């Protein structure tokens, strides 16, 4: 998620995230520190962006620093209403011109550990392939085969080359490919999307889609850059959020999914 910097919209972003009321939120390009923005905007938050966005809604906010700048740094973040057991940020940068990371969090869901990885992959195809290999190696080495798994983020995979690599390496499936013939017998994750969600935001449903959803650019999505890969879940619903409010905030349209743990 790239927040537009010509105007301070961080307060608007926080409100829209609160309106969605998801249990877990995966974010990319979160600014852990920005002296330039702090000097430019009088209402810039005094705390790190992920803590400000979490506010009183998500009790756990984790940040993984990826890229250093002269005036600060940015990276991936995960916000969770569910208890956080552990977290680790991994550097998967493939060359010195792009700083990329994987934020691996372990979350407790009614006594079961759910592994959540927030990813931001590179702009070059060879880099993305190697970063996918690093992701697969990380999960194989640290995540039990029967553990529920969510991998979400900006994969920059506009040619959809990584799906088969991750499916073969990890047994995961992309969320929109799981919609047809879904089984609703499992117990859903705690909490539901806010009742006002459907009324406040325009949703572009992707039922029966054979490939990941189009999310970029948010103004008129053409490219399939963002993904959510799952293992140990069923999907009740998955949508791409559109509407003027979100288009003003990010060049990527967000994905929202309602999941059932198996």
C-alpha atoms as a PDB file:
ATOM      1  CA  UNK A   1       0.000   0.000   0.000  1.00  0.00           C
ATOM      2  CA  UNK A   2       1.508   3.318  -1.051  1.00  0.00           C
ATOM      3  CA  UNK A   3      -0.034   6.267   0.759  1.00  0.00           C
ATOM      4  CA  UNK A   4      -0.017   9.384  -1.401  1.00  0.00           C
ATOM      5  CA  UNK A   5       2.294  11.982   0.128  1.00  0.00           C
ATOM      6  CA  UNK A   6       1.144  15.245  -1.448  1.00  0.00           C
ATOM      7  CA  UNK A   7      -1.528  15.533   1.228  1.00  0.00           C
ATOM      8  CA  UNK A   8      -1.699  14.031   4.685  1.00  0.00           C
ATOM      9  CA  UNK A   9      -4.441  11.409   4.478  1.00  0.00           C
ATOM     10  CA  UNK A  10      -3.233   9.121   7.245  1.00  0.00           C
ATOM     11  CA  UNK A  11      -6.238  10.019   9.417  1.00  0.00           C
ATOM     12  CA  UNK A  12      -8.626   9.128   6.599  1.00  0.00           C
ATOM     13  CA  UNK A  13      -6.803   5.861   6.025  1.00  0.00           C
ATOM     14  CA  UNK A  14      -7.100   4.924   9.680  1.00  0.00           C
ATOM     15  CA  UNK A  15     -10.837   5.549   9.636  1.00  0.00           C
ATOM     16  CA  UNK A  16     -11.402   3.409   6.534  1.00  0.00           C
ATOM     17  CA  UNK A  17      -9.378   0.551   8.011  1.00  0.00           C
ATOM     18  CA  UNK A  18     -11.404   0.817  11.203  1.00  0.00           C
ATOM     19  CA  UNK A  19     -14.619   0.700   9.152  1.00  0.00           C
ATOM     20  CA  UNK A  20     -13.570  -2.591   7.555  1.00  0.00           C
ATOM     21  CA  UNK A  21     -12.907  -3.989  11.037  1.00  0.00           C
ATOM     22  CA  UNK A  22     -10.841  -6.984   9.894  1.00  0.00           C
ATOM     23  CA  UNK A  23      -9.233  -9.223  12.504  1.00  0.00           C
ATOM     24  CA  UNK A  24      -5.841  -9.181  10.734  1.00  0.00           C
ATOM     25  CA  UNK A  25      -4.475  -6.473   8.435  1.00  0.00           C
ATOM     26  CA  UNK A  26      -1.434  -6.858   6.156  1.00  0.00           C
ATOM     27  CA  UNK A  27       0.220  -3.581   5.083  1.00  0.00           C
ATOM     28  CA  UNK A  28       3.157  -2.695   2.844  1.00  0.00           C
ATOM     29  CA  UNK A  29       5.233   0.511   2.572  1.00  0.00           C
ATOM     30  CA  UNK A  30       4.247   1.604   6.055  1.00  0.00           C
ATOM     31  CA  UNK A  31       6.347   4.510   7.257  1.00  0.00           C
ATOM     32  CA  UNK A  32       8.002   3.734  10.546  1.00  0.00           C
ATOM     33  CA  UNK A  33       9.573   7.181  10.518  1.00  0.00           C
ATOM     34  CA  UNK A  34       9.368  10.167   8.180  1.00  0.00           C
ATOM     35  CA  UNK A  35      10.983  13.413   9.325  1.00  0.00           C
ATOM     36  CA  UNK A  36       9.972  15.058   6.031  1.00  0.00           C
ATOM     37  CA  UNK A  37       6.280  14.342   6.562  1.00  0.00           C
ATOM     38  CA  UNK A  38       6.481  15.301  10.229  1.00  0.00           C
ATOM     39  CA  UNK A  39       7.886  18.703   9.251  1.00  0.00           C
ATOM     40  CA  UNK A  40       5.477  19.188   6.366  1.00  0.00           C
ATOM     41  CA  UNK A  41       2.189  18.259   8.064  1.00  0.00           C
ATOM     42  CA  UNK A  42       1.115  19.765  11.371  1.00  0.00           C
ATOM     43  CA  UNK A  43      -1.194  16.828  12.108  1.00  0.00           C
ATOM     44  CA  UNK A  44       1.314  14.077  11.294  1.00  0.00           C
ATOM     45  CA  UNK A  45       1.132  11.364  14.021  1.00  0.00           C
ATOM     46  CA  UNK A  46       3.715  11.514  16.772  1.00  0.00           C
ATOM     47  CA  UNK A  47       3.883   7.712  16.879  1.00  0.00           C
ATOM     48  CA  UNK A  48       4.956   5.290  14.151  1.00  0.00           C
ATOM     49  CA  UNK A  49       2.417   4.839  11.363  1.00  0.00           C
ATOM     50  CA  UNK A  50       1.533   1.235  12.217  1.00  0.00           C
ATOM     51  CA  UNK A  51       0.821   2.147  15.844  1.00  0.00           C
ATOM     52  CA  UNK A  52      -1.302   5.089  14.752  1.00  0.00           C
ATOM     53  CA  UNK A  53      -3.320   2.951  12.343  1.00  0.00           C
ATOM     54  CA  UNK A  54      -3.857   0.251  14.963  1.00  0.00           C
ATOM     55  CA  UNK A  55      -5.159   2.744  17.527  1.00  0.00           C
ATOM     56  CA  UNK A  56      -7.592   1.009  19.922  1.00  0.00           C
ATOM     57  CA  UNK A  57      -8.914  -1.492  17.338  1.00  0.00           C
ATOM     58  CA  UNK A  58      -5.936  -3.833  16.934  1.00  0.00           C
ATOM     59  CA  UNK A  59      -4.174  -4.652  20.176  1.00  0.00           C
ATOM     60  CA  UNK A  60      -1.076  -5.929  18.365  1.00  0.00           C
ATOM     61  CA  UNK A  61       0.854  -3.934  15.750  1.00  0.00           C
ATOM     62  CA  UNK A  62       4.129  -5.285  14.341  1.00  0.00           C
ATOM     63  CA  UNK A  63       6.471  -3.444  11.989  1.00  0.00           C
ATOM     64  CA  UNK A  64       9.314  -4.814   9.883  1.00  0.00           C
ATOM     65  CA  UNK A  65      11.794  -2.195   8.703  1.00  0.00           C
ATOM     66  CA  UNK A  66      12.850  -2.790   5.099  1.00  0.00           C
ATOM     67  CA  UNK A  67      14.107   0.416   3.492  1.00  0.00           C
ATOM     68  CA  UNK A  68      16.220   3.157   5.063  1.00  0.00           C
ATOM     69  CA  UNK A  69      16.068   6.741   3.845  1.00  0.00           C
ATOM     70  CA  UNK A  70      17.813   9.917   4.917  1.00  0.00           C
ATOM     71  CA  UNK A  71      14.639  11.122   6.645  1.00  0.00           C
ATOM     72  CA  UNK A  72      13.380   7.795   7.990  1.00  0.00           C
ATOM     73  CA  UNK A  73      12.415   4.271   6.993  1.00  0.00           C
ATOM     74  CA  UNK A  74       9.481   2.153   5.815  1.00  0.00           C
ATOM     75  CA  UNK A  75       8.514  -1.508   5.634  1.00  0.00           C
ATOM     76  CA  UNK A  76       5.758  -4.060   6.135  1.00  0.00           C
ATOM     77  CA  UNK A  77       3.338  -4.128   9.054  1.00  0.00           C
ATOM     78  CA  UNK A  78       0.728  -6.455  10.493  1.00  0.00           C
ATOM     79  CA  UNK A  79      -2.159  -5.408  12.736  1.00  0.00           C
ATOM     80  CA  UNK A  80      -3.980  -8.097  14.707  1.00  0.00           C
ATOM     81  CA  UNK A  81      -6.926  -8.314  17.063  1.00  0.00           C
ATOM     82  CA  UNK A  82      -5.826 -11.865  17.908  1.00  0.00           C
ATOM     83  CA  UNK A  83      -2.979 -12.486  20.375  1.00  0.00           C
ATOM     84  CA  UNK A  84       0.507 -12.241  18.908  1.00  0.00           C
ATOM     85  CA  UNK A  85       2.850 -15.089  19.845  1.00  0.00           C
ATOM     86  CA  UNK A  86       6.010 -14.151  17.941  1.00  0.00           C
ATOM     87  CA  UNK A  87       7.286 -12.084  15.030  1.00  0.00           C
ATOM     88  CA  UNK A  88      10.410 -11.809  12.895  1.00  0.00           C
ATOM     89  CA  UNK A  89      11.333  -9.633   9.926  1.00  0.00           C
ATOM     90  CA  UNK A  90      13.472 -11.149   7.160  1.00  0.00           C
ATOM     91  CA  UNK A  91      15.484  -9.259   4.585  1.00  0.00           C
ATOM     92  CA  UNK A  92      14.858 -10.746   1.137  1.00  0.00           C
ATOM     93  CA  UNK A  93      16.387  -7.922  -0.874  1.00  0.00           C
ATOM     94  CA  UNK A  94      17.816  -9.260  -4.126  1.00  0.00           C
ATOM     95  CA  UNK A  95      19.995  -6.281  -5.054  1.00  0.00           C
ATOM     96  CA  UNK A  96      21.000  -2.933  -3.609  1.00  0.00           C
ATOM     97  CA  UNK A  97      18.438  -0.915  -5.554  1.00  0.00           C
ATOM     98  CA  UNK A  98      15.380  -2.505  -3.887  1.00  0.00           C
ATOM     99  CA  UNK A  99      14.923  -3.199  -0.175  1.00  0.00           C
ATOM    100  CA  UNK A 100      12.350  -5.948   0.325  1.00  0.00           C
ATOM    101  CA  UNK A 101      11.221  -7.930   3.336  1.00  0.00           C
ATOM    102  CA  UNK A 102       9.047 -10.687   4.774  1.00  0.00           C
ATOM    103  CA  UNK A 103       7.328 -10.079   8.099  1.00  0.00           C
ATOM    104  CA  UNK A 104       6.534 -13.436   9.737  1.00  0.00           C
ATOM    105  CA  UNK A 105       4.062 -13.331  12.628  1.00  0.00           C
ATOM    106  CA  UNK A 106       2.569 -16.147  14.685  1.00  0.00           C
ATOM    107  CA  UNK A 107      -0.959 -15.504  15.947  1.00  0.00           C
ATOM    108  CA  UNK A 108      -3.007 -17.464  18.455  1.00  0.00           C
ATOM    109  CA  UNK A 109      -6.504 -18.464  17.330  1.00  0.00           C
ATOM    110  CA  UNK A 110      -8.267 -20.409  20.070  1.00  0.00           C
ATOM    111  CA  UNK A 111      -5.121 -22.321  20.948  1.00  0.00           C
ATOM    112  CA  UNK A 112      -3.984 -22.889  17.357  1.00  0.00           C
ATOM    113  CA  UNK A 113      -1.019 -21.054  15.886  1.00  0.00           C
ATOM    114  CA  UNK A 114      -1.748 -19.274  12.610  1.00  0.00           C
ATOM    115  CA  UNK A 115       1.347 -18.250  10.654  1.00  0.00           C
ATOM    116  CA  UNK A 116       0.969 -14.934   8.828  1.00  0.00           C
ATOM    117  CA  UNK A 117       3.575 -13.635   6.401  1.00  0.00           C
ATOM    118  CA  UNK A 118       3.353 -10.102   5.021  1.00  0.00           C
ATOM    119  CA  UNK A 119       5.333  -9.824   1.790  1.00  0.00           C
ATOM    120  CA  UNK A 120       6.568  -7.147  -0.580  1.00  0.00           C
ATOM    121  CA  UNK A 121       8.432  -8.520  -3.593  1.00  0.00           C
ATOM    122  CA  UNK A 122      10.621  -6.780  -6.144  1.00  0.00           C
ATOM    123  CA  UNK A 123       9.936  -5.198  -9.516  1.00  0.00           C
ATOM    124  CA  UNK A 124      12.069  -7.639 -11.516  1.00  0.00           C
ATOM    125  CA  UNK A 125      10.913 -11.147 -12.367  1.00  0.00           C
ATOM    126  CA  UNK A 126      14.170 -12.907 -11.477  1.00  0.00           C
ATOM    127  CA  UNK A 127      14.183 -11.125  -8.115  1.00  0.00           C
ATOM    128  CA  UNK A 128      10.616 -12.192  -7.415  1.00  0.00           C
ATOM    129  CA  UNK A 129      11.421 -15.805  -8.242  1.00  0.00           C
ATOM    130  CA  UNK A 130      14.340 -15.823  -5.818  1.00  0.00           C
ATOM    131  CA  UNK A 131      12.262 -14.067  -3.168  1.00  0.00           C
ATOM    132  CA  UNK A 132       9.570 -16.729  -3.600  1.00  0.00           C
ATOM    133  CA  UNK A 133      12.264 -19.365  -3.077  1.00  0.00           C
ATOM    134  CA  UNK A 134      13.311 -17.608   0.132  1.00  0.00           C
ATOM    135  CA  UNK A 135       9.689 -17.527   1.262  1.00  0.00           C
ATOM    136  CA  UNK A 136       9.260 -21.243   0.570  1.00  0.00           C
ATOM    137  CA  UNK A 137      12.479 -22.081   2.412  1.00  0.00           C
ATOM    138  CA  UNK A 138      11.434 -19.970   5.398  1.00  0.00           C
ATOM    139  CA  UNK A 139       8.061 -21.669   5.707  1.00  0.00           C
ATOM    140  CA  UNK A 140       9.422 -25.180   5.194  1.00  0.00           C
ATOM    141  CA  UNK A 141      11.999 -24.602   7.930  1.00  0.00           C
ATOM    142  CA  UNK A 142       9.799 -22.884  10.516  1.00  0.00           C
ATOM    143  CA  UNK A 143       6.119 -23.715   9.901  1.00  0.00           C
ATOM    144  CA  UNK A 144       4.624 -27.172  10.615  1.00  0.00           C
ATOM    145  CA  UNK A 145       2.983 -28.780   7.592  1.00  0.00           C
ATOM    146  CA  UNK A 146      -0.415 -28.847   9.318  1.00  0.00           C
ATOM    147  CA  UNK A 147      -0.324 -25.242  10.594  1.00  0.00           C
ATOM    148  CA  UNK A 148      -2.805 -22.712   9.121  1.00  0.00           C
ATOM    149  CA  UNK A 149      -0.946 -20.302   6.872  1.00  0.00           C
ATOM    150  CA  UNK A 150      -1.717 -16.882   5.341  1.00  0.00           C
ATOM    151  CA  UNK A 151       0.699 -15.170   2.948  1.00  0.00           C
ATOM    152  CA  UNK A 152      -0.458 -11.741   1.799  1.00  0.00           C
ATOM    153  CA  UNK A 153       1.010  -8.649   0.229  1.00  0.00           C
ATOM    154  CA  UNK A 154       2.276  -6.923  -2.882  1.00  0.00           C
ATOM    155  CA  UNK A 155       3.985  -9.548  -5.039  1.00  0.00           C
ATOM    156  CA  UNK A 156       4.327  -7.333  -8.150  1.00  0.00           C
ATOM    157  CA  UNK A 157       3.531 -10.549 -10.018  1.00  0.00           C
ATOM    158  CA  UNK A 158       1.610  -9.033 -12.913  1.00  0.00           C
ATOM    159  CA  UNK A 159       2.304 -12.050 -15.163  1.00  0.00           C
ATOM    160  CA  UNK A 160       1.093 -14.492 -12.479  1.00  0.00           C
ATOM    161  CA  UNK A 161       4.279 -16.561 -12.536  1.00  0.00           C
ATOM    162  CA  UNK A 162       4.604 -17.196  -8.778  1.00  0.00           C
ATOM    163  CA  UNK A 163       1.306 -18.944  -8.086  1.00  0.00           C
ATOM    164  CA  UNK A 164       2.386 -22.358  -9.345  1.00  0.00           C
ATOM    165  CA  UNK A 165       5.793 -22.022  -7.653  1.00  0.00           C
ATOM    166  CA  UNK A 166       4.179 -21.359  -4.271  1.00  0.00           C
ATOM    167  CA  UNK A 167       1.488 -23.986  -4.788  1.00  0.00           C
ATOM    168  CA  UNK A 168       4.065 -26.674  -5.553  1.00  0.00           C
ATOM    169  CA  UNK A 169       6.435 -25.591  -2.809  1.00  0.00           C
ATOM    170  CA  UNK A 170       3.950 -24.966  -0.014  1.00  0.00           C
ATOM    171  CA  UNK A 171       0.565 -26.390  -0.973  1.00  0.00           C
ATOM    172  CA  UNK A 172      -1.070 -22.948  -0.822  1.00  0.00           C
ATOM    173  CA  UNK A 173      -3.919 -21.640  -2.983  1.00  0.00           C
ATOM    174  CA  UNK A 174      -4.693 -18.055  -3.972  1.00  0.00           C
ATOM    175  CA  UNK A 175      -7.793 -16.735  -2.223  1.00  0.00           C
ATOM    176  CA  UNK A 176      -9.866 -15.931  -5.329  1.00  0.00           C
ATOM    177  CA  UNK A 177      -9.236 -19.389  -6.744  1.00  0.00           C
ATOM    178  CA  UNK A 178     -10.877 -20.873  -3.627  1.00  0.00           C
ATOM    179  CA  UNK A 179     -14.268 -19.173  -3.966  1.00  0.00           C
ATOM    180  CA  UNK A 180     -16.129 -21.688  -6.197  1.00  0.00           C
ATOM    181  CA  UNK A 181     -17.725 -24.610  -4.342  1.00  0.00           C
ATOM    182  CA  UNK A 182     -16.727 -23.312  -0.945  1.00  0.00           C
ATOM    183  CA  UNK A 183     -17.671 -25.269   2.180  1.00  0.00           C
ATOM    184  CA  UNK A 184     -19.169 -23.270   5.076  1.00  0.00           C
ATOM    185  CA  UNK A 185     -19.020 -25.990   7.719  1.00  0.00           C
ATOM    186  CA  UNK A 186     -15.867 -24.766   9.454  1.00  0.00           C
ATOM    187  CA  UNK A 187     -15.749 -22.167  12.235  1.00  0.00           C
ATOM    188  CA  UNK A 188     -15.040 -18.622  11.046  1.00  0.00           C
ATOM    189  CA  UNK A 189     -12.318 -16.460  12.485  1.00  0.00           C
ATOM    190  CA  UNK A 190     -13.652 -14.316  15.353  1.00  0.00           C
ATOM    191  CA  UNK A 191     -15.365 -11.103  14.371  1.00  0.00           C
ATOM    192  CA  UNK A 192     -17.128 -10.164  11.170  1.00  0.00           C
ATOM    193  CA  UNK A 193     -16.759  -7.434   8.633  1.00  0.00           C
ATOM    194  CA  UNK A 194     -18.492  -4.327   9.949  1.00  0.00           C
ATOM    195  CA  UNK A 195     -22.203  -4.307   8.999  1.00  0.00           C
ATOM    196  CA  UNK A 196     -21.753  -0.871   7.458  1.00  0.00           C
ATOM    197  CA  UNK A 197     -18.923  -2.118   5.236  1.00  0.00           C
ATOM    198  CA  UNK A 198     -21.110  -2.981   2.254  1.00  0.00           C
ATOM    199  CA  UNK A 199     -22.964   0.313   2.496  1.00  0.00           C
ATOM    200  CA  UNK A 200     -19.892   2.531   2.794  1.00  0.00           C
ATOM    201  CA  UNK A 201     -17.601   0.955   0.226  1.00  0.00           C
ATOM    202  CA  UNK A 202     -18.154  -0.265  -3.331  1.00  0.00           C
ATOM    203  CA  UNK A 203     -17.120  -3.921  -3.581  1.00  0.00           C
ATOM    204  CA  UNK A 204     -16.028  -5.604  -6.768  1.00  0.00           C
ATOM    205  CA  UNK A 205     -16.847  -9.271  -6.303  1.00  0.00           C
ATOM    206  CA  UNK A 206     -14.670 -11.888  -7.948  1.00  0.00           C
ATOM    207  CA  UNK A 207     -16.754 -15.034  -7.508  1.00  0.00           C
ATOM    208  CA  UNK A 208     -15.498 -17.898  -9.576  1.00  0.00           C
ATOM    209  CA  UNK A 209     -12.411 -16.034 -10.765  1.00  0.00           C
ATOM    210  CA  UNK A 210      -9.832 -18.370 -12.280  1.00  0.00           C
ATOM    211  CA  UNK A 211      -6.921 -16.077 -11.443  1.00  0.00           C
ATOM    212  CA  UNK A 212      -5.937 -13.467  -8.839  1.00  0.00           C
ATOM    213  CA  UNK A 213      -7.927 -10.238  -8.807  1.00  0.00           C
ATOM    214  CA  UNK A 214      -6.900  -7.022 -10.522  1.00  0.00           C
ATOM    215  CA  UNK A 215      -5.783  -4.482  -7.923  1.00  0.00           C
ATOM    216  CA  UNK A 216      -3.534  -1.952  -9.693  1.00  0.00           C
ATOM    217  CA  UNK A 217      -3.898   0.908 -10.377  1.00  0.00           C
ATOM    218  CA  UNK A 218      -6.676   1.562  -7.884  1.00  0.00           C
ATOM    219  CA  UNK A 219      -8.305   4.128 -10.171  1.00  0.00           C
ATOM    220  CA  UNK A 220      -8.948   1.464 -12.820  1.00  0.00           C
ATOM    221  CA  UNK A 221      -7.434  -1.895 -11.829  1.00  0.00           C
ATOM    222  CA  UNK A 222      -5.746  -3.683 -14.722  1.00  0.00           C
ATOM    223  CA  UNK A 223      -2.860  -5.623 -13.170  1.00  0.00           C
ATOM    224  CA  UNK A 224      -2.893  -8.521 -10.710  1.00  0.00           C
ATOM    225  CA  UNK A 225      -0.142  -7.427  -8.309  1.00  0.00           C
ATOM    226  CA  UNK A 226      -1.525  -8.239  -4.874  1.00  0.00           C
ATOM    227  CA  UNK A 227      -2.145 -11.708  -3.504  1.00  0.00           C
ATOM    228  CA  UNK A 228      -3.418 -13.694  -0.548  1.00  0.00           C
ATOM    229  CA  UNK A 229      -2.275 -17.328  -0.453  1.00  0.00           C
ATOM    230  CA  UNK A 230      -3.849 -19.728   2.034  1.00  0.00           C
ATOM    231  CA  UNK A 231      -3.326 -23.140   3.563  1.00  0.00           C
ATOM    232  CA  UNK A 232      -5.622 -24.608   6.206  1.00  0.00           C
ATOM    233  CA  UNK A 233      -8.525 -22.268   5.429  1.00  0.00           C
ATOM    234  CA  UNK A 234     -11.735 -22.122   3.474  1.00  0.00           C
ATOM    235  CA  UNK A 235     -12.940 -18.868   1.933  1.00  0.00           C
ATOM    236  CA  UNK A 236     -16.410 -17.514   2.625  1.00  0.00           C
ATOM    237  CA  UNK A 237     -15.929 -14.336   0.611  1.00  0.00           C
ATOM    238  CA  UNK A 238     -13.173 -12.330  -1.054  1.00  0.00           C
ATOM    239  CA  UNK A 239     -13.527  -8.893  -2.612  1.00  0.00           C
ATOM    240  CA  UNK A 240     -11.452  -6.060  -4.007  1.00  0.00           C
ATOM    241  CA  UNK A 241     -12.387  -2.775  -2.380  1.00  0.00           C
ATOM    242  CA  UNK A 242     -12.949   0.123  -4.756  1.00  0.00           C
ATOM    243  CA  UNK A 243     -14.462   3.580  -4.454  1.00  0.00           C
ATOM    244  CA  UNK A 244     -13.234   7.162  -4.473  1.00  0.00           C
ATOM    245  CA  UNK A 245     -12.157   7.150  -0.835  1.00  0.00           C
ATOM    246  CA  UNK A 246      -9.670   4.306  -1.344  1.00  0.00           C
ATOM    247  CA  UNK A 247      -8.414   5.646  -4.662  1.00  0.00           C
ATOM    248  CA  UNK A 248      -7.318   8.834  -2.909  1.00  0.00           C
ATOM    249  CA  UNK A 249      -5.308   6.855  -0.381  1.00  0.00           C
ATOM    250  CA  UNK A 250      -3.390   4.269  -2.353  1.00  0.00           C
ATOM    251  CA  UNK A 251      -2.399   3.258  -5.860  1.00  0.00           C
ATOM    252  CA  UNK A 252      -3.339  -0.349  -4.945  1.00  0.00           C
ATOM    253  CA  UNK A 253      -6.910  -1.486  -4.279  1.00  0.00           C
ATOM    254  CA  UNK A 254      -7.150  -3.529  -1.050  1.00  0.00           C
ATOM    255  CA  UNK A 255      -8.245  -7.158  -0.848  1.00  0.00           C
ATOM    256  CA  UNK A 256     -10.609  -8.223   1.944  1.00  0.00           C
ATOM    257  CA  UNK A 257     -11.337 -11.876   2.692  1.00  0.00           C
ATOM    258  CA  UNK A 258     -13.605 -13.642   5.170  1.00  0.00           C
ATOM    259  CA  UNK A 259     -11.916 -16.941   6.093  1.00  0.00           C
ATOM    260  CA  UNK A 260     -12.822 -20.138   7.893  1.00  0.00           C
ATOM    261  CA  UNK A 261     -10.098 -22.065   9.632  1.00  0.00           C
ATOM    262  CA  UNK A 262     -10.151 -25.818   9.058  1.00  0.00           C
END
